[in-house]
N, C-alpha and C. Protein backbone atom coordinates (compact mmCIF):
# COMPACT_ATOMS: atom_id res chain seq x y z
N UNK A 1 -38.68 -19.20 10.76
CA UNK A 1 -40.03 -18.91 11.35
C UNK A 1 -40.18 -19.62 12.72
N UNK A 2 -40.61 -18.98 13.78
CA UNK A 2 -40.84 -19.63 15.06
C UNK A 2 -42.07 -20.56 15.10
N UNK A 3 -41.92 -21.74 15.52
CA UNK A 3 -43.05 -22.50 15.52
C UNK A 3 -43.04 -23.67 16.70
N UNK A 4 -44.18 -24.06 17.09
CA UNK A 4 -44.20 -25.08 18.22
C UNK A 4 -44.06 -26.38 17.72
N UNK A 5 -43.74 -27.32 18.51
CA UNK A 5 -43.77 -28.76 18.20
C UNK A 5 -44.96 -29.35 18.50
N UNK A 6 -45.39 -30.41 17.84
CA UNK A 6 -46.63 -30.96 18.06
C UNK A 6 -46.74 -31.67 19.49
N UNK A 7 -45.55 -32.10 19.95
CA UNK A 7 -45.42 -32.77 21.28
C UNK A 7 -45.67 -31.88 22.44
N UNK A 8 -45.31 -30.50 22.21
CA UNK A 8 -45.40 -29.59 23.15
C UNK A 8 -46.42 -28.42 22.73
N UNK A 9 -47.61 -28.63 22.66
CA UNK A 9 -48.52 -27.47 22.23
C UNK A 9 -48.50 -26.50 23.40
N UNK A 10 -48.85 -25.28 22.97
CA UNK A 10 -48.91 -24.11 23.91
C UNK A 10 -50.34 -23.63 23.97
N UNK A 11 -50.83 -23.38 25.19
CA UNK A 11 -52.14 -22.82 25.35
C UNK A 11 -52.09 -21.40 26.04
N UNK A 12 -52.81 -20.59 25.35
CA UNK A 12 -52.97 -19.21 26.07
C UNK A 12 -54.26 -19.18 26.79
N UNK A 13 -54.14 -19.05 28.12
CA UNK A 13 -55.21 -18.97 29.13
C UNK A 13 -55.95 -17.50 29.28
N UNK A 14 -56.18 -17.07 28.02
CA UNK A 14 -56.64 -15.63 28.06
C UNK A 14 -57.62 -15.48 26.79
N UNK A 15 -58.73 -14.75 26.97
CA UNK A 15 -59.54 -14.42 25.95
C UNK A 15 -59.09 -13.16 25.15
N UNK A 16 -58.08 -12.61 25.53
CA UNK A 16 -57.58 -11.42 25.01
C UNK A 16 -57.18 -11.61 23.46
N UNK A 17 -57.88 -10.86 22.66
CA UNK A 17 -57.50 -11.00 21.24
C UNK A 17 -56.13 -10.28 20.96
N UNK A 18 -55.88 -9.32 21.67
CA UNK A 18 -54.42 -8.66 21.44
C UNK A 18 -53.35 -9.60 21.87
N UNK A 19 -53.52 -10.26 22.92
CA UNK A 19 -52.38 -11.21 23.34
C UNK A 19 -52.32 -12.34 22.38
N UNK A 20 -53.38 -12.90 21.99
CA UNK A 20 -53.23 -14.03 20.97
C UNK A 20 -52.69 -13.61 19.63
N UNK A 21 -53.20 -12.32 19.26
CA UNK A 21 -52.53 -11.79 18.07
C UNK A 21 -51.07 -11.49 18.04
N UNK A 22 -50.55 -11.02 19.45
CA UNK A 22 -49.13 -10.73 19.50
C UNK A 22 -48.30 -12.12 19.34
N UNK A 23 -48.74 -13.13 20.01
CA UNK A 23 -48.07 -14.39 19.89
C UNK A 23 -48.13 -14.95 18.43
N UNK A 24 -49.18 -14.94 17.81
CA UNK A 24 -49.33 -15.37 16.48
C UNK A 24 -48.47 -14.67 15.45
N UNK A 25 -48.54 -13.35 15.68
CA UNK A 25 -47.80 -12.39 14.81
C UNK A 25 -46.18 -12.73 14.91
N UNK A 26 -45.85 -13.14 16.18
CA UNK A 26 -44.45 -13.48 16.39
C UNK A 26 -44.17 -14.92 15.89
N UNK A 27 -45.09 -15.71 15.30
CA UNK A 27 -44.87 -16.92 14.81
C UNK A 27 -45.11 -18.11 15.75
N UNK A 28 -45.63 -17.90 16.82
CA UNK A 28 -45.86 -18.85 17.90
C UNK A 28 -47.32 -19.49 17.65
N UNK A 29 -47.38 -20.69 17.37
CA UNK A 29 -48.67 -21.54 17.23
C UNK A 29 -49.28 -21.71 18.61
N UNK A 30 -50.41 -21.29 18.81
CA UNK A 30 -51.06 -21.47 20.11
C UNK A 30 -52.54 -21.89 19.85
N UNK A 31 -53.05 -22.42 20.95
CA UNK A 31 -54.51 -22.54 21.06
C UNK A 31 -54.99 -21.75 22.20
N UNK A 32 -56.20 -21.34 22.24
CA UNK A 32 -56.77 -20.35 23.27
C UNK A 32 -57.81 -21.03 23.97
N UNK A 33 -57.52 -21.01 25.36
CA UNK A 33 -58.63 -21.55 26.16
C UNK A 33 -58.69 -20.58 27.56
N UNK A 34 -59.68 -19.73 27.46
CA UNK A 34 -59.85 -18.70 28.55
C UNK A 34 -60.10 -19.31 29.88
N UNK A 35 -59.39 -18.89 30.85
CA UNK A 35 -59.64 -19.16 32.19
C UNK A 35 -61.01 -18.83 32.72
N UNK A 36 -61.61 -19.63 33.71
CA UNK A 36 -62.80 -19.32 34.21
C UNK A 36 -62.73 -18.84 35.68
N UNK A 37 -61.55 -18.41 36.00
CA UNK A 37 -61.46 -17.96 37.41
C UNK A 37 -62.22 -16.67 37.63
N UNK A 38 -62.65 -16.47 38.88
CA UNK A 38 -63.49 -15.19 39.22
C UNK A 38 -62.35 -14.09 39.64
N UNK A 39 -61.94 -13.34 38.76
CA UNK A 39 -60.88 -12.29 38.97
C UNK A 39 -61.35 -11.41 40.09
N UNK A 40 -62.46 -10.96 40.11
CA UNK A 40 -62.99 -10.04 41.15
C UNK A 40 -62.92 -10.73 42.47
N UNK A 41 -63.30 -11.92 42.74
CA UNK A 41 -63.25 -12.51 43.98
C UNK A 41 -61.68 -12.76 44.39
N UNK A 42 -60.80 -12.96 43.58
CA UNK A 42 -59.42 -13.18 43.87
C UNK A 42 -58.89 -11.75 44.28
N UNK A 43 -59.23 -10.68 43.47
CA UNK A 43 -58.79 -9.41 44.04
C UNK A 43 -59.35 -8.90 45.42
N UNK A 44 -60.59 -9.34 45.72
CA UNK A 44 -61.18 -9.00 46.92
C UNK A 44 -60.45 -9.66 48.08
N UNK A 45 -60.06 -10.95 47.81
CA UNK A 45 -59.31 -11.65 48.94
C UNK A 45 -57.98 -10.99 49.16
N UNK A 46 -57.35 -10.48 48.06
CA UNK A 46 -56.04 -9.83 48.20
C UNK A 46 -56.19 -8.54 48.88
N UNK A 47 -57.28 -7.81 48.63
CA UNK A 47 -57.56 -6.46 49.11
C UNK A 47 -57.85 -6.53 50.70
N UNK A 48 -58.35 -7.49 51.26
CA UNK A 48 -58.83 -7.49 52.59
C UNK A 48 -57.73 -8.02 53.55
N UNK A 49 -56.53 -8.29 52.91
CA UNK A 49 -55.47 -8.63 53.96
C UNK A 49 -54.84 -7.47 54.67
N UNK A 50 -54.16 -7.79 55.72
CA UNK A 50 -53.65 -6.80 56.56
C UNK A 50 -52.56 -5.91 55.76
N UNK A 51 -51.92 -6.51 54.90
CA UNK A 51 -50.93 -5.86 54.17
C UNK A 51 -51.25 -5.97 52.68
N UNK A 52 -52.04 -5.08 52.09
CA UNK A 52 -52.42 -5.11 50.63
C UNK A 52 -51.23 -5.37 49.71
N UNK A 53 -51.45 -6.21 48.88
CA UNK A 53 -50.41 -6.59 47.80
C UNK A 53 -50.07 -5.52 46.77
N UNK A 54 -48.90 -5.28 46.53
CA UNK A 54 -48.70 -4.25 45.50
C UNK A 54 -49.34 -4.64 44.14
N UNK A 55 -49.66 -3.66 43.37
CA UNK A 55 -50.45 -3.88 42.13
C UNK A 55 -49.74 -4.93 41.21
N UNK A 56 -48.44 -4.84 41.07
CA UNK A 56 -47.55 -5.65 40.14
C UNK A 56 -47.76 -7.08 40.47
N UNK A 57 -47.95 -7.34 41.93
CA UNK A 57 -47.95 -8.69 42.39
C UNK A 57 -49.30 -9.26 42.34
N UNK A 58 -50.33 -8.41 42.33
CA UNK A 58 -51.71 -8.72 42.13
C UNK A 58 -51.92 -9.37 40.66
N UNK A 59 -51.23 -8.69 39.70
CA UNK A 59 -51.30 -9.11 38.29
C UNK A 59 -50.62 -10.48 38.16
N UNK A 60 -49.53 -10.72 38.82
CA UNK A 60 -48.91 -11.82 38.75
C UNK A 60 -49.66 -13.03 39.33
N UNK A 61 -50.30 -12.86 40.55
CA UNK A 61 -51.05 -13.74 41.15
C UNK A 61 -52.24 -14.30 40.25
N UNK A 62 -52.91 -13.26 39.61
CA UNK A 62 -53.97 -13.53 38.68
C UNK A 62 -53.50 -14.23 37.44
N UNK A 63 -52.36 -13.99 37.04
CA UNK A 63 -51.75 -14.68 35.78
C UNK A 63 -51.56 -16.17 36.15
N UNK A 64 -50.94 -16.37 37.33
CA UNK A 64 -50.62 -17.64 37.78
C UNK A 64 -51.98 -18.52 38.00
N UNK A 65 -52.95 -17.88 38.55
CA UNK A 65 -54.29 -18.53 38.81
C UNK A 65 -54.94 -19.05 37.50
N UNK A 66 -54.84 -18.09 36.54
CA UNK A 66 -55.45 -18.43 35.19
C UNK A 66 -54.74 -19.55 34.64
N UNK A 67 -53.39 -19.50 34.63
CA UNK A 67 -52.60 -20.67 33.98
C UNK A 67 -52.75 -21.88 34.60
N UNK A 68 -52.90 -21.96 36.01
CA UNK A 68 -53.10 -23.19 36.77
C UNK A 68 -54.44 -23.83 36.42
N UNK A 69 -55.47 -22.99 36.39
CA UNK A 69 -56.85 -23.49 36.16
C UNK A 69 -56.85 -24.20 34.71
N UNK A 70 -56.21 -23.67 33.75
CA UNK A 70 -56.26 -24.28 32.44
C UNK A 70 -55.28 -25.36 32.33
N UNK A 71 -54.22 -25.38 33.04
CA UNK A 71 -53.12 -26.47 32.96
C UNK A 71 -53.74 -27.72 33.59
N UNK A 72 -54.64 -27.55 34.65
CA UNK A 72 -55.30 -28.67 35.30
C UNK A 72 -56.13 -29.41 34.36
N UNK A 73 -56.50 -28.88 33.31
CA UNK A 73 -57.38 -29.50 32.23
C UNK A 73 -56.63 -29.97 31.07
N UNK A 74 -55.28 -29.68 30.98
CA UNK A 74 -54.49 -30.01 29.81
C UNK A 74 -53.20 -30.52 30.18
N UNK A 75 -53.11 -31.88 30.78
CA UNK A 75 -51.92 -32.39 31.12
C UNK A 75 -50.73 -32.35 30.17
N UNK A 76 -49.54 -31.97 30.61
CA UNK A 76 -48.31 -32.04 29.78
C UNK A 76 -48.21 -30.83 28.84
N UNK A 77 -49.04 -29.85 28.96
CA UNK A 77 -49.10 -28.63 28.14
C UNK A 77 -48.67 -27.44 28.81
N UNK A 78 -47.80 -26.70 28.25
CA UNK A 78 -47.47 -25.50 28.69
C UNK A 78 -48.51 -24.46 28.58
N UNK A 79 -48.98 -23.78 29.57
CA UNK A 79 -50.18 -22.87 29.67
C UNK A 79 -49.63 -21.46 30.01
N UNK A 80 -49.82 -20.55 29.19
CA UNK A 80 -49.43 -19.10 29.48
C UNK A 80 -50.65 -18.32 30.04
N UNK A 81 -50.40 -17.89 31.25
CA UNK A 81 -51.42 -17.02 31.88
C UNK A 81 -50.98 -15.53 31.93
N UNK A 82 -51.77 -14.55 31.76
CA UNK A 82 -51.32 -13.30 31.73
C UNK A 82 -52.44 -12.28 32.31
N UNK A 83 -52.00 -11.26 33.00
CA UNK A 83 -52.89 -10.37 33.52
C UNK A 83 -52.30 -8.93 33.50
N UNK A 84 -53.17 -7.88 33.51
CA UNK A 84 -52.59 -6.50 33.67
C UNK A 84 -53.39 -5.75 34.53
N UNK A 85 -52.64 -4.96 35.27
CA UNK A 85 -53.17 -4.08 36.31
C UNK A 85 -52.92 -2.65 36.01
N UNK A 86 -54.02 -1.90 36.06
CA UNK A 86 -53.71 -0.36 36.01
C UNK A 86 -53.86 0.21 37.42
N UNK A 87 -52.86 0.95 37.88
CA UNK A 87 -52.84 1.55 39.10
C UNK A 87 -52.66 3.06 39.06
N UNK A 88 -53.41 3.83 39.72
CA UNK A 88 -53.20 5.27 39.86
C UNK A 88 -53.22 5.58 41.33
N UNK A 89 -51.88 5.86 41.68
CA UNK A 89 -51.54 6.03 43.07
C UNK A 89 -51.76 4.64 43.79
N UNK A 90 -52.71 4.50 44.72
CA UNK A 90 -52.90 3.28 45.32
C UNK A 90 -54.23 2.71 44.82
N UNK A 91 -54.81 3.22 43.90
CA UNK A 91 -56.19 2.73 43.35
C UNK A 91 -55.94 1.85 42.10
N UNK A 92 -56.56 0.67 42.26
CA UNK A 92 -56.54 -0.34 41.04
C UNK A 92 -57.79 -0.26 40.29
N UNK A 93 -57.68 0.04 38.99
CA UNK A 93 -58.81 0.21 38.11
C UNK A 93 -59.24 -1.23 37.57
N UNK A 94 -60.40 -1.33 37.23
CA UNK A 94 -61.04 -2.47 36.53
C UNK A 94 -61.54 -2.00 35.18
N UNK A 95 -61.80 -2.94 34.31
CA UNK A 95 -62.31 -2.52 33.01
C UNK A 95 -63.63 -1.91 33.19
N UNK A 96 -63.80 -0.80 32.45
CA UNK A 96 -65.21 -0.16 32.57
C UNK A 96 -66.18 -1.09 31.96
N UNK A 97 -67.33 -1.09 32.64
CA UNK A 97 -68.46 -1.96 32.09
C UNK A 97 -69.46 -1.23 31.34
N UNK A 98 -69.18 0.13 31.14
CA UNK A 98 -70.08 1.02 30.27
C UNK A 98 -69.33 2.13 29.68
N UNK A 99 -69.76 2.79 28.85
CA UNK A 99 -69.07 4.01 28.25
C UNK A 99 -69.11 5.09 29.31
N UNK A 100 -70.19 5.14 30.13
CA UNK A 100 -70.27 6.14 31.13
C UNK A 100 -69.17 5.96 32.14
N UNK A 101 -68.95 4.69 32.52
CA UNK A 101 -67.81 4.32 33.54
C UNK A 101 -66.47 4.73 32.89
N UNK A 102 -66.31 4.36 31.57
CA UNK A 102 -65.06 4.80 30.92
C UNK A 102 -64.84 6.33 30.93
N UNK A 103 -65.95 7.04 30.66
CA UNK A 103 -65.83 8.50 30.75
C UNK A 103 -65.37 9.06 32.08
N UNK A 104 -65.88 8.36 33.20
CA UNK A 104 -65.55 8.79 34.50
C UNK A 104 -64.06 8.43 34.71
N UNK A 105 -63.66 7.24 34.34
CA UNK A 105 -62.26 6.79 34.61
C UNK A 105 -61.24 7.61 33.87
N UNK A 106 -61.60 7.96 32.62
CA UNK A 106 -60.63 8.84 31.80
C UNK A 106 -60.49 10.19 32.42
N UNK A 107 -61.56 10.86 33.02
CA UNK A 107 -61.58 12.04 33.56
C UNK A 107 -60.62 11.89 34.81
N UNK A 108 -60.70 10.89 35.61
CA UNK A 108 -59.82 10.69 36.68
C UNK A 108 -58.31 10.53 36.36
N UNK A 109 -58.07 9.87 35.18
CA UNK A 109 -56.69 9.76 34.72
C UNK A 109 -56.18 10.98 34.00
N UNK A 110 -56.93 11.98 33.73
CA UNK A 110 -56.65 13.12 32.80
C UNK A 110 -55.58 14.02 33.64
N UNK A 111 -54.43 14.26 32.88
CA UNK A 111 -53.53 15.15 33.53
C UNK A 111 -52.61 14.42 34.53
N UNK A 112 -52.62 13.16 34.76
CA UNK A 112 -51.98 12.37 35.76
C UNK A 112 -51.13 11.19 35.16
N UNK A 113 -50.29 10.73 36.02
CA UNK A 113 -49.52 9.53 35.53
C UNK A 113 -49.94 8.25 36.15
N UNK A 114 -50.13 7.25 35.42
CA UNK A 114 -50.51 5.96 36.09
C UNK A 114 -49.63 4.88 35.58
N UNK A 115 -49.70 3.73 36.22
CA UNK A 115 -48.79 2.72 35.83
C UNK A 115 -49.70 1.47 35.32
N UNK A 116 -49.11 0.77 34.41
CA UNK A 116 -49.64 -0.44 33.96
C UNK A 116 -48.64 -1.61 34.24
N UNK A 117 -49.14 -2.58 35.03
CA UNK A 117 -48.32 -3.68 35.48
C UNK A 117 -48.85 -4.96 34.75
N UNK A 118 -47.94 -5.64 33.95
CA UNK A 118 -48.24 -6.75 33.22
C UNK A 118 -47.64 -7.95 33.89
N UNK A 119 -48.33 -9.03 34.17
CA UNK A 119 -47.76 -10.27 34.72
C UNK A 119 -47.98 -11.46 33.81
N UNK A 120 -47.01 -12.33 33.59
CA UNK A 120 -47.14 -13.56 32.78
C UNK A 120 -46.60 -14.68 33.68
N UNK A 121 -47.26 -15.94 33.58
CA UNK A 121 -46.81 -16.98 34.22
C UNK A 121 -47.11 -18.24 33.34
N UNK A 122 -46.11 -19.01 33.24
CA UNK A 122 -46.15 -20.40 32.44
C UNK A 122 -46.21 -21.61 33.47
N UNK A 123 -47.30 -22.33 33.24
CA UNK A 123 -47.56 -23.60 34.12
C UNK A 123 -47.59 -24.81 33.18
N UNK A 124 -47.01 -25.92 33.70
CA UNK A 124 -47.18 -27.18 33.02
C UNK A 124 -47.57 -28.16 34.18
N UNK A 125 -48.84 -28.91 33.99
CA UNK A 125 -49.26 -29.65 35.05
C UNK A 125 -49.43 -28.76 36.39
N UNK A 126 -48.87 -29.23 37.45
CA UNK A 126 -48.99 -28.44 38.67
C UNK A 126 -47.71 -27.70 39.03
N UNK A 127 -46.79 -27.57 37.99
CA UNK A 127 -45.54 -26.84 38.20
C UNK A 127 -45.50 -25.50 37.57
N UNK A 128 -45.21 -24.53 38.21
CA UNK A 128 -44.93 -23.15 37.66
C UNK A 128 -43.60 -23.10 37.13
N UNK A 129 -43.47 -22.83 35.85
CA UNK A 129 -42.19 -22.84 35.34
C UNK A 129 -41.53 -21.49 35.05
N UNK A 130 -42.29 -20.40 35.00
CA UNK A 130 -41.87 -19.16 34.73
C UNK A 130 -42.84 -18.15 35.26
N UNK A 131 -42.24 -17.13 35.85
CA UNK A 131 -43.03 -15.94 36.30
C UNK A 131 -42.31 -14.69 35.87
N UNK A 132 -43.03 -13.70 35.47
CA UNK A 132 -42.36 -12.42 34.98
C UNK A 132 -43.31 -11.30 35.17
N UNK A 133 -42.81 -10.17 35.70
CA UNK A 133 -43.74 -8.94 35.76
C UNK A 133 -42.99 -7.75 35.17
N UNK A 134 -43.59 -6.81 34.59
CA UNK A 134 -42.95 -5.65 34.09
C UNK A 134 -43.94 -4.43 34.17
N UNK A 135 -43.53 -3.25 34.19
CA UNK A 135 -44.36 -2.11 34.43
C UNK A 135 -43.98 -0.98 33.54
N UNK A 136 -45.01 -0.15 33.14
CA UNK A 136 -44.88 1.05 32.27
C UNK A 136 -45.52 2.11 32.90
N UNK A 137 -45.02 3.32 32.71
CA UNK A 137 -45.63 4.54 33.22
C UNK A 137 -46.27 5.39 32.01
N UNK A 138 -47.41 5.86 32.23
CA UNK A 138 -48.10 6.66 31.15
C UNK A 138 -48.76 7.80 31.76
N UNK A 139 -48.40 8.95 31.11
CA UNK A 139 -48.89 10.24 31.48
C UNK A 139 -50.05 10.72 30.59
N UNK A 140 -51.28 10.91 31.16
CA UNK A 140 -52.33 11.35 30.32
C UNK A 140 -52.33 12.69 30.09
N UNK A 141 -52.55 13.31 29.00
CA UNK A 141 -52.42 14.70 28.75
C UNK A 141 -53.83 15.36 29.24
N UNK A 142 -53.65 16.62 29.39
CA UNK A 142 -54.83 17.39 29.90
C UNK A 142 -55.80 17.73 28.69
N UNK A 143 -56.43 16.76 28.21
CA UNK A 143 -57.34 16.96 27.07
C UNK A 143 -58.63 17.59 27.57
N UNK A 144 -59.31 18.09 26.45
CA UNK A 144 -60.57 18.89 26.72
C UNK A 144 -61.71 17.88 26.81
N UNK A 145 -62.70 18.47 27.51
CA UNK A 145 -63.98 17.66 27.60
C UNK A 145 -64.59 17.33 26.17
N UNK A 146 -64.47 18.21 25.19
CA UNK A 146 -64.82 17.93 23.91
C UNK A 146 -64.09 16.80 23.25
N UNK A 147 -62.80 16.76 23.47
CA UNK A 147 -61.82 15.77 22.85
C UNK A 147 -62.41 14.31 23.47
N UNK A 148 -62.51 14.32 24.86
CA UNK A 148 -62.87 13.14 25.44
C UNK A 148 -64.19 12.62 24.91
N UNK A 149 -65.19 13.42 24.76
CA UNK A 149 -66.56 13.07 24.25
C UNK A 149 -66.47 12.50 22.83
N UNK A 150 -65.48 13.28 22.05
CA UNK A 150 -65.43 12.84 20.69
C UNK A 150 -64.70 11.52 20.58
N UNK A 151 -63.75 11.26 21.51
CA UNK A 151 -62.95 9.94 21.50
C UNK A 151 -63.85 8.82 21.91
N UNK A 152 -64.78 9.03 22.81
CA UNK A 152 -65.68 7.98 23.28
C UNK A 152 -66.75 7.78 22.20
N UNK A 153 -67.17 8.81 21.51
CA UNK A 153 -68.14 8.53 20.40
C UNK A 153 -67.55 7.80 19.22
N UNK A 154 -66.21 8.10 19.04
CA UNK A 154 -65.56 7.26 17.90
C UNK A 154 -65.28 5.84 18.24
N UNK A 155 -64.86 5.67 19.45
CA UNK A 155 -64.40 4.35 19.99
C UNK A 155 -65.63 3.44 20.36
N UNK A 156 -66.70 4.07 20.88
CA UNK A 156 -67.87 3.34 21.35
C UNK A 156 -67.68 2.25 22.41
N UNK A 157 -68.31 1.18 22.35
CA UNK A 157 -68.17 0.00 23.33
C UNK A 157 -66.77 -0.56 23.49
N UNK A 158 -65.91 -0.35 22.26
CA UNK A 158 -64.65 -0.92 22.22
C UNK A 158 -63.75 -0.47 23.50
N UNK A 159 -64.12 0.74 24.17
CA UNK A 159 -63.32 1.19 25.28
C UNK A 159 -63.60 0.35 26.40
N UNK A 160 -64.54 -0.52 26.44
CA UNK A 160 -64.91 -1.40 27.58
C UNK A 160 -64.04 -2.69 27.58
N UNK A 161 -63.23 -2.78 26.52
CA UNK A 161 -62.44 -4.10 26.32
C UNK A 161 -60.98 -3.93 26.88
N UNK A 162 -60.59 -2.78 27.49
CA UNK A 162 -59.28 -2.60 28.02
C UNK A 162 -59.36 -1.92 29.34
N UNK A 163 -58.57 -2.22 30.26
CA UNK A 163 -58.64 -1.74 31.58
C UNK A 163 -58.57 -0.17 31.62
N UNK A 164 -57.82 0.36 30.69
CA UNK A 164 -57.58 1.87 30.75
C UNK A 164 -58.61 2.54 29.86
N UNK A 165 -59.55 1.92 29.18
CA UNK A 165 -60.45 2.38 28.21
C UNK A 165 -59.65 3.12 27.05
N UNK A 166 -58.42 2.42 26.70
CA UNK A 166 -57.75 2.95 25.57
C UNK A 166 -56.98 1.75 24.94
N UNK A 167 -56.61 1.95 23.83
CA UNK A 167 -55.67 1.04 23.08
C UNK A 167 -54.52 1.76 22.54
N UNK A 168 -53.38 1.64 22.92
CA UNK A 168 -52.26 2.36 22.34
C UNK A 168 -51.96 2.12 20.92
N UNK A 169 -52.34 1.12 20.40
CA UNK A 169 -52.18 0.73 19.04
C UNK A 169 -53.19 1.42 18.20
N UNK A 170 -54.05 2.06 18.78
CA UNK A 170 -55.15 2.68 17.94
C UNK A 170 -55.37 4.14 18.43
N UNK A 171 -56.49 4.66 18.26
CA UNK A 171 -56.85 6.16 18.58
C UNK A 171 -56.49 6.64 20.11
N UNK A 172 -56.26 5.58 20.87
CA UNK A 172 -56.03 5.75 22.33
C UNK A 172 -54.68 6.47 22.50
N UNK A 173 -53.67 6.27 21.62
CA UNK A 173 -52.47 6.89 21.73
C UNK A 173 -52.60 8.47 21.86
N UNK A 174 -53.64 9.10 21.38
CA UNK A 174 -53.83 10.48 21.30
C UNK A 174 -54.22 11.04 22.77
N UNK A 175 -54.36 10.07 23.68
CA UNK A 175 -54.64 10.57 25.04
C UNK A 175 -53.49 10.90 25.96
N UNK A 176 -52.35 10.60 25.33
CA UNK A 176 -51.05 10.69 26.14
C UNK A 176 -50.13 11.76 25.74
N UNK A 177 -49.42 12.30 26.84
CA UNK A 177 -48.32 13.17 26.57
C UNK A 177 -47.00 12.66 26.74
N UNK A 178 -46.94 11.50 27.41
CA UNK A 178 -45.65 10.82 27.74
C UNK A 178 -45.82 9.41 28.05
N UNK A 179 -45.09 8.55 27.52
CA UNK A 179 -45.12 7.07 27.75
C UNK A 179 -43.73 6.53 27.88
N UNK A 180 -43.55 5.84 29.09
CA UNK A 180 -42.21 5.28 29.34
C UNK A 180 -42.49 3.68 29.76
N UNK A 181 -41.71 2.78 28.95
CA UNK A 181 -41.91 1.50 29.17
C UNK A 181 -41.99 0.71 27.89
N UNK A 182 -41.98 -0.63 28.09
CA UNK A 182 -42.00 -1.62 26.97
C UNK A 182 -43.33 -1.61 26.20
N UNK A 183 -43.31 -1.45 24.92
CA UNK A 183 -44.69 -1.51 24.17
C UNK A 183 -45.49 -2.74 24.35
N UNK A 184 -44.82 -3.84 24.52
CA UNK A 184 -45.59 -5.12 24.66
C UNK A 184 -46.21 -5.27 26.07
N UNK A 185 -45.44 -4.61 27.12
CA UNK A 185 -45.94 -4.62 28.36
C UNK A 185 -47.17 -3.80 28.42
N UNK A 186 -47.21 -2.72 27.75
CA UNK A 186 -48.40 -1.89 27.69
C UNK A 186 -49.67 -2.55 27.05
N UNK A 187 -49.30 -3.51 26.01
CA UNK A 187 -50.34 -4.16 25.42
C UNK A 187 -50.77 -5.41 26.23
N UNK A 188 -50.02 -5.66 27.46
CA UNK A 188 -50.50 -6.70 28.28
C UNK A 188 -49.80 -7.95 28.17
N UNK A 189 -48.72 -8.08 27.32
CA UNK A 189 -47.87 -9.33 27.33
C UNK A 189 -46.50 -9.00 27.00
N UNK A 190 -45.68 -8.93 28.00
CA UNK A 190 -44.24 -8.67 27.80
C UNK A 190 -43.59 -9.89 26.92
N UNK A 191 -43.48 -9.62 25.72
CA UNK A 191 -43.28 -10.68 24.76
C UNK A 191 -41.93 -11.18 24.65
N UNK A 192 -40.93 -10.22 24.73
CA UNK A 192 -39.43 -10.69 24.54
C UNK A 192 -39.01 -11.72 25.59
N UNK A 193 -39.25 -11.42 26.97
CA UNK A 193 -38.89 -12.44 27.85
C UNK A 193 -39.69 -13.66 27.73
N UNK A 194 -40.95 -13.68 27.40
CA UNK A 194 -41.77 -14.89 27.30
C UNK A 194 -41.16 -15.66 26.12
N UNK A 195 -40.80 -15.07 24.94
CA UNK A 195 -40.22 -15.92 23.96
C UNK A 195 -38.91 -16.48 24.35
N UNK A 196 -38.16 -15.78 25.14
CA UNK A 196 -36.95 -16.36 25.67
C UNK A 196 -37.17 -17.59 26.40
N UNK A 197 -38.18 -17.54 27.28
CA UNK A 197 -38.58 -18.65 28.09
C UNK A 197 -38.93 -19.82 27.21
N UNK A 198 -39.81 -19.64 26.29
CA UNK A 198 -40.35 -20.62 25.48
C UNK A 198 -39.22 -21.37 24.66
N UNK A 199 -38.09 -20.52 24.32
CA UNK A 199 -37.02 -21.12 23.55
C UNK A 199 -36.29 -21.98 24.59
N UNK A 200 -36.11 -21.67 25.80
CA UNK A 200 -35.34 -22.44 26.73
C UNK A 200 -36.04 -23.78 27.04
N UNK A 201 -37.28 -23.77 26.84
CA UNK A 201 -38.13 -24.99 27.02
C UNK A 201 -38.12 -25.92 25.68
N UNK A 202 -37.47 -25.35 24.67
CA UNK A 202 -37.46 -26.03 23.33
C UNK A 202 -38.88 -26.20 22.72
N UNK A 203 -39.83 -25.36 23.12
CA UNK A 203 -41.05 -25.57 22.38
C UNK A 203 -41.37 -24.56 21.35
N UNK A 204 -40.36 -23.69 21.07
CA UNK A 204 -40.35 -22.90 19.87
C UNK A 204 -38.90 -23.04 19.27
N UNK A 205 -38.74 -22.71 18.11
CA UNK A 205 -37.34 -22.74 17.45
C UNK A 205 -36.43 -21.94 18.05
N UNK A 206 -35.20 -22.63 18.30
CA UNK A 206 -34.05 -21.81 18.90
C UNK A 206 -33.22 -21.15 17.86
């Protein structure tokens, strides 16, 4: 069984239940301390530059910012930061703040292919130890308006907890006609490379 050592606790700098469940299901003992960075403000700074940052890099910047903010409060601890960006062509989506917004976003995604970019970063004190980003491509099928309304009725406010207004591990999988990419990347935490890094640091069993 994979387990952490008491001398090297691991903190997940994310409030995501999916991410914490993935790590714990893999046998990694973690504590959770969500970062308080203003993600919207960080994105706005990145967007106003002369050369807008690629979506995958935006996710990595946010992941590192989260990890660093929590690591500053927890000396000597490895902190995992993670972020996920949904991009349709050149447009970056945010989590819908209402079912109405989720409805509008899903209609925009319907019949098209979008990308999910997941970035993870591990920080200890002021040192960045690990950066990793991976992408997946998802094609939304041309579902009917009735299907969409029924989906939203069944899922309710839960659609507002994920950037795409769907969860692949649940009813949301019915939205797609084609999925290419790592399952864990789609869930927002590329797990295999992260575990490999943690093993290299001897904070989980080798």
